[in-house]
């Protein structure tokens, strides 16, 4: 068992989105992403075997991919295997990514 306090995972970077792996096993990876306003995670695709859920903890922005989808705190985006995705932050944004099964790309 591992207890994670998401209120303490709030490190940001001026140069690029801050990424921190919070948990990693062969079945699940949890990654915290923190974006300053204007920062982006370019559109990309995970490995062919992994599904992804993205929970916006704070702020507002836009999930990008085939279509742009505005998001705000409390939104959960669930992406099936190998759907291209990215994010552009309109304000300071914190996102928690759930990846299953685990990948080494993050």
N, C-alpha and C. Protein backbone atom coordinates (compact mmCIF):
# COMPACT_ATOMS: atom_id res chain seq x y z
N UNK A 1 0.84 -1.17 0.00
CA UNK A 1 0.00 0.00 0.00
C UNK A 1 0.89 1.24 0.00
N UNK A 2 0.45 2.27 -0.73
CA UNK A 2 1.18 3.53 -0.77
C UNK A 2 0.18 4.68 -0.65
N UNK A 3 0.45 5.60 0.26
CA UNK A 3 -0.40 6.77 0.45
C UNK A 3 0.29 7.97 -0.16
N UNK A 4 -0.42 8.68 -1.04
CA UNK A 4 0.13 9.85 -1.72
C UNK A 4 -0.74 11.05 -1.38
N UNK A 5 -0.12 12.13 -0.92
CA UNK A 5 -0.84 13.37 -0.64
C UNK A 5 -0.73 14.27 -1.87
N UNK A 6 -1.79 14.30 -2.69
CA UNK A 6 -1.76 15.09 -3.92
C UNK A 6 -1.66 16.58 -3.66
N UNK A 7 -2.02 17.03 -2.48
CA UNK A 7 -1.89 18.45 -2.16
C UNK A 7 -0.44 18.88 -2.04
N UNK A 8 0.47 17.91 -1.85
CA UNK A 8 1.89 18.23 -1.73
C UNK A 8 2.63 18.07 -3.05
N UNK A 9 1.99 17.52 -4.07
CA UNK A 9 2.64 17.31 -5.37
C UNK A 9 2.37 18.51 -6.26
N UNK A 10 2.92 19.65 -5.87
CA UNK A 10 2.58 20.91 -6.55
C UNK A 10 3.80 21.64 -7.11
N UNK A 11 4.83 20.92 -7.44
CA UNK A 11 6.02 21.57 -7.99
C UNK A 11 5.78 21.96 -9.45
N UNK A 12 6.16 23.18 -9.81
CA UNK A 12 6.02 23.70 -11.17
C UNK A 12 7.39 24.11 -11.69
N UNK A 13 7.51 24.22 -13.02
CA UNK A 13 8.74 24.67 -13.66
C UNK A 13 8.40 25.79 -14.62
N UNK A 14 9.24 26.80 -14.70
CA UNK A 14 9.00 27.91 -15.62
C UNK A 14 9.29 27.52 -17.06
N UNK A 15 10.19 26.56 -17.27
CA UNK A 15 10.63 26.20 -18.61
C UNK A 15 9.70 25.23 -19.34
N UNK A 16 9.15 24.27 -18.60
CA UNK A 16 8.31 23.25 -19.22
C UNK A 16 7.43 22.60 -18.16
N UNK A 17 6.44 21.85 -18.60
CA UNK A 17 5.57 21.17 -17.65
C UNK A 17 6.40 20.28 -16.73
N UNK A 18 6.06 20.31 -15.45
CA UNK A 18 6.76 19.47 -14.47
C UNK A 18 6.07 18.11 -14.44
N UNK A 19 6.85 17.05 -14.50
CA UNK A 19 6.34 15.68 -14.50
C UNK A 19 6.97 14.92 -13.36
N UNK A 20 6.13 14.20 -12.60
CA UNK A 20 6.65 13.37 -11.51
C UNK A 20 5.89 12.05 -11.46
N UNK A 21 6.63 10.95 -11.57
CA UNK A 21 6.02 9.63 -11.44
C UNK A 21 5.75 9.40 -9.95
N UNK A 22 4.49 9.20 -9.60
CA UNK A 22 4.10 8.99 -8.21
C UNK A 22 4.05 7.52 -7.83
N UNK A 23 3.78 6.68 -8.82
CA UNK A 23 3.69 5.24 -8.58
C UNK A 23 3.95 4.54 -9.90
N UNK A 24 4.67 3.41 -9.83
CA UNK A 24 4.97 2.67 -11.05
C UNK A 24 5.06 1.19 -10.73
N UNK A 25 4.21 0.42 -11.38
CA UNK A 25 4.27 -1.04 -11.30
C UNK A 25 4.01 -1.56 -12.71
N UNK A 26 4.06 -2.86 -12.89
CA UNK A 26 3.82 -3.37 -14.24
C UNK A 26 2.37 -3.22 -14.67
N UNK A 27 1.46 -3.00 -13.71
CA UNK A 27 0.05 -2.88 -14.02
C UNK A 27 -0.47 -1.44 -14.08
N UNK A 28 0.20 -0.52 -13.40
CA UNK A 28 -0.31 0.85 -13.28
C UNK A 28 0.82 1.84 -13.06
N UNK A 29 0.73 2.95 -13.76
CA UNK A 29 1.62 4.08 -13.52
C UNK A 29 0.76 5.30 -13.24
N UNK A 30 1.13 6.07 -12.19
CA UNK A 30 0.48 7.34 -11.88
C UNK A 30 1.51 8.45 -12.06
N UNK A 31 1.16 9.44 -12.87
CA UNK A 31 2.08 10.54 -13.14
C UNK A 31 1.37 11.85 -12.88
N UNK A 32 1.99 12.72 -12.10
CA UNK A 32 1.47 14.07 -11.86
C UNK A 32 2.14 15.01 -12.85
N UNK A 33 1.32 15.79 -13.56
CA UNK A 33 1.81 16.82 -14.47
C UNK A 33 1.33 18.16 -13.96
N UNK A 34 2.25 19.13 -13.85
CA UNK A 34 1.91 20.48 -13.41
C UNK A 34 2.37 21.46 -14.49
N UNK A 35 1.42 22.25 -15.01
CA UNK A 35 1.67 23.18 -16.10
C UNK A 35 1.46 24.61 -15.63
N UNK A 36 2.36 25.48 -16.02
CA UNK A 36 2.10 26.92 -15.88
C UNK A 36 1.23 27.33 -17.06
N UNK A 37 0.53 28.45 -16.95
CA UNK A 37 -0.30 28.95 -18.05
C UNK A 37 0.54 29.04 -19.32
N UNK A 38 0.00 28.53 -20.42
CA UNK A 38 0.68 28.59 -21.71
C UNK A 38 1.55 27.38 -22.04
N UNK A 39 1.90 26.58 -21.04
CA UNK A 39 2.71 25.39 -21.31
C UNK A 39 1.87 24.30 -21.95
N UNK A 40 2.56 23.44 -22.71
CA UNK A 40 1.86 22.38 -23.44
C UNK A 40 2.57 21.05 -23.30
N UNK A 41 1.80 19.99 -23.44
CA UNK A 41 2.31 18.64 -23.64
C UNK A 41 1.90 18.30 -25.07
N UNK A 42 2.86 18.14 -25.99
CA UNK A 42 2.52 17.92 -27.39
C UNK A 42 1.67 16.65 -27.58
N UNK A 43 0.88 16.65 -28.62
CA UNK A 43 0.05 15.49 -28.94
C UNK A 43 0.95 14.30 -29.21
N UNK A 44 0.63 13.18 -28.58
CA UNK A 44 1.41 11.95 -28.71
C UNK A 44 0.48 10.77 -28.45
N UNK A 45 1.01 9.56 -28.57
CA UNK A 45 0.23 8.35 -28.35
C UNK A 45 1.06 7.41 -27.49
N UNK A 46 0.40 6.78 -26.51
CA UNK A 46 1.08 5.79 -25.68
C UNK A 46 1.26 4.50 -26.46
N UNK A 47 1.91 3.53 -25.87
CA UNK A 47 2.09 2.24 -26.52
C UNK A 47 0.73 1.61 -26.84
N UNK A 48 0.73 0.71 -27.76
CA UNK A 48 -0.51 0.11 -28.27
C UNK A 48 -1.29 -0.67 -27.22
N UNK A 49 -0.71 -0.95 -26.07
CA UNK A 49 -1.39 -1.78 -25.07
C UNK A 49 -1.95 -1.01 -23.89
N UNK A 50 -1.74 0.29 -23.80
CA UNK A 50 -2.10 1.03 -22.58
C UNK A 50 -3.30 1.94 -22.76
N UNK A 51 -4.15 1.94 -21.75
CA UNK A 51 -5.24 2.89 -21.67
C UNK A 51 -4.84 4.01 -20.71
N UNK A 52 -5.54 5.12 -20.81
CA UNK A 52 -5.14 6.31 -20.07
C UNK A 52 -6.37 7.03 -19.53
N UNK A 53 -6.28 7.49 -18.28
CA UNK A 53 -7.29 8.38 -17.71
C UNK A 53 -6.56 9.61 -17.18
N UNK A 54 -7.08 10.79 -17.50
CA UNK A 54 -6.47 12.05 -17.09
C UNK A 54 -7.47 12.82 -16.24
N UNK A 55 -7.09 13.07 -14.99
CA UNK A 55 -7.94 13.78 -14.04
C UNK A 55 -7.36 15.18 -13.82
N UNK A 56 -8.15 16.21 -14.14
CA UNK A 56 -7.70 17.59 -13.93
C UNK A 56 -7.98 17.94 -12.47
N UNK A 57 -6.91 18.20 -11.72
CA UNK A 57 -7.02 18.52 -10.30
C UNK A 57 -7.21 20.01 -10.04
N UNK A 58 -6.66 20.83 -10.95
CA UNK A 58 -6.67 22.28 -10.74
C UNK A 58 -6.53 22.96 -12.09
N UNK A 59 -7.19 24.11 -12.26
CA UNK A 59 -7.01 24.94 -13.43
C UNK A 59 -7.90 24.58 -14.61
N UNK A 60 -7.61 25.24 -15.74
CA UNK A 60 -8.36 24.95 -16.96
C UNK A 60 -7.43 25.01 -18.15
N UNK A 61 -7.81 24.24 -19.15
CA UNK A 61 -7.00 24.15 -20.35
C UNK A 61 -7.77 23.43 -21.43
N UNK A 62 -7.01 22.74 -22.29
CA UNK A 62 -7.61 22.09 -23.43
C UNK A 62 -6.89 20.79 -23.72
N UNK A 63 -7.62 19.67 -23.68
CA UNK A 63 -7.05 18.42 -24.15
C UNK A 63 -7.05 18.49 -25.66
N UNK A 64 -5.93 18.10 -26.25
CA UNK A 64 -5.80 18.17 -27.70
C UNK A 64 -5.59 16.78 -28.27
N UNK A 65 -5.92 16.64 -29.52
CA UNK A 65 -5.81 15.37 -30.23
C UNK A 65 -6.60 15.49 -31.50
N UNK A 66 -7.46 14.50 -31.79
CA UNK A 66 -8.33 14.60 -32.96
C UNK A 66 -9.22 15.82 -32.87
N UNK A 67 -9.73 16.09 -31.68
CA UNK A 67 -10.55 17.26 -31.40
C UNK A 67 -10.01 17.95 -30.16
N UNK A 68 -10.20 19.26 -30.10
CA UNK A 68 -9.83 20.02 -28.90
C UNK A 68 -11.03 19.98 -27.94
N UNK A 69 -10.76 19.67 -26.67
CA UNK A 69 -11.82 19.57 -25.66
C UNK A 69 -11.44 20.45 -24.48
N UNK A 70 -12.23 21.52 -24.22
CA UNK A 70 -11.93 22.34 -23.05
C UNK A 70 -12.15 21.54 -21.77
N UNK A 71 -11.26 21.73 -20.79
CA UNK A 71 -11.36 21.01 -19.52
C UNK A 71 -11.10 21.96 -18.36
N UNK A 72 -11.59 21.55 -17.20
CA UNK A 72 -11.37 22.33 -15.98
C UNK A 72 -11.25 21.36 -14.81
N UNK A 73 -10.91 21.88 -13.65
CA UNK A 73 -10.76 21.06 -12.45
C UNK A 73 -11.99 20.18 -12.26
N UNK A 74 -11.74 18.91 -11.98
CA UNK A 74 -12.80 17.95 -11.76
C UNK A 74 -13.13 17.11 -12.97
N UNK A 75 -12.65 17.51 -14.17
CA UNK A 75 -12.92 16.73 -15.37
C UNK A 75 -12.00 15.52 -15.45
N UNK A 76 -12.57 14.40 -15.91
CA UNK A 76 -11.83 13.16 -16.10
C UNK A 76 -11.98 12.74 -17.56
N UNK A 77 -10.87 12.65 -18.27
CA UNK A 77 -10.85 12.22 -19.67
C UNK A 77 -10.32 10.80 -19.71
N UNK A 78 -11.09 9.89 -20.31
CA UNK A 78 -10.67 8.50 -20.43
C UNK A 78 -10.38 8.21 -21.89
N UNK A 79 -9.17 7.72 -22.15
CA UNK A 79 -8.72 7.48 -23.52
C UNK A 79 -8.43 6.00 -23.74
N UNK A 80 -9.07 5.40 -24.74
CA UNK A 80 -8.77 4.01 -25.06
C UNK A 80 -7.34 3.87 -25.59
N UNK A 81 -6.96 2.66 -25.87
CA UNK A 81 -5.62 2.34 -26.34
C UNK A 81 -5.25 3.20 -27.56
N UNK A 82 -4.07 3.81 -27.51
CA UNK A 82 -3.41 4.54 -28.60
C UNK A 82 -4.23 5.66 -29.22
N UNK A 83 -4.92 6.44 -28.41
CA UNK A 83 -5.59 7.64 -28.90
C UNK A 83 -4.63 8.81 -28.72
N UNK A 84 -4.31 9.54 -29.81
CA UNK A 84 -3.42 10.69 -29.69
C UNK A 84 -4.01 11.74 -28.73
N UNK A 85 -3.14 12.31 -27.88
CA UNK A 85 -3.60 13.27 -26.89
C UNK A 85 -2.47 14.22 -26.50
N UNK A 86 -2.85 15.37 -26.01
CA UNK A 86 -1.91 16.36 -25.50
C UNK A 86 -2.69 17.33 -24.63
N UNK A 87 -2.03 18.35 -24.13
CA UNK A 87 -2.73 19.32 -23.27
C UNK A 87 -2.09 20.69 -23.43
N UNK A 88 -2.92 21.71 -23.48
CA UNK A 88 -2.47 23.10 -23.44
C UNK A 88 -3.12 23.76 -22.23
N UNK A 89 -2.30 24.36 -21.37
CA UNK A 89 -2.79 25.00 -20.15
C UNK A 89 -3.16 26.45 -20.41
N UNK A 90 -4.39 26.83 -20.03
CA UNK A 90 -4.81 28.23 -20.12
C UNK A 90 -4.48 28.97 -18.82
N UNK A 91 -4.49 28.24 -17.72
CA UNK A 91 -4.11 28.77 -16.41
C UNK A 91 -3.13 27.76 -15.82
N UNK A 92 -2.76 27.93 -14.60
CA UNK A 92 -1.93 26.92 -13.92
C UNK A 92 -2.79 25.66 -13.80
N UNK A 93 -2.27 24.52 -14.30
CA UNK A 93 -3.04 23.28 -14.37
C UNK A 93 -2.26 22.15 -13.71
N UNK A 94 -2.99 21.32 -12.94
CA UNK A 94 -2.44 20.10 -12.37
C UNK A 94 -3.28 18.93 -12.87
N UNK A 95 -2.61 17.92 -13.43
CA UNK A 95 -3.28 16.75 -14.00
C UNK A 95 -2.65 15.50 -13.41
N UNK A 96 -3.49 14.52 -13.11
CA UNK A 96 -3.02 13.22 -12.67
C UNK A 96 -3.35 12.22 -13.77
N UNK A 97 -2.32 11.53 -14.28
CA UNK A 97 -2.48 10.54 -15.35
C UNK A 97 -2.42 9.14 -14.76
N UNK A 98 -3.40 8.31 -15.10
CA UNK A 98 -3.46 6.91 -14.72
C UNK A 98 -3.22 6.10 -15.99
N UNK A 99 -2.17 5.30 -16.03
CA UNK A 99 -1.81 4.54 -17.23
C UNK A 99 -1.81 3.06 -16.87
N UNK A 100 -2.57 2.27 -17.65
CA UNK A 100 -2.65 0.84 -17.37
C UNK A 100 -2.76 0.05 -18.66
N UNK A 101 -1.96 -1.00 -18.85
CA UNK A 101 -0.84 -1.34 -18.00
C UNK A 101 0.27 -0.30 -18.13
N UNK A 102 1.23 -0.38 -17.26
CA UNK A 102 2.30 0.59 -17.17
C UNK A 102 3.10 0.68 -18.46
N UNK A 103 3.66 1.87 -18.71
CA UNK A 103 4.55 2.09 -19.85
C UNK A 103 5.81 2.77 -19.36
N UNK A 104 6.83 2.77 -20.17
CA UNK A 104 8.09 3.42 -19.80
C UNK A 104 8.24 4.79 -20.45
N UNK A 105 7.25 5.24 -21.22
CA UNK A 105 7.36 6.49 -21.99
C UNK A 105 7.31 7.73 -21.14
N UNK A 106 6.77 7.66 -19.94
CA UNK A 106 6.66 8.86 -19.12
C UNK A 106 7.87 8.93 -18.24
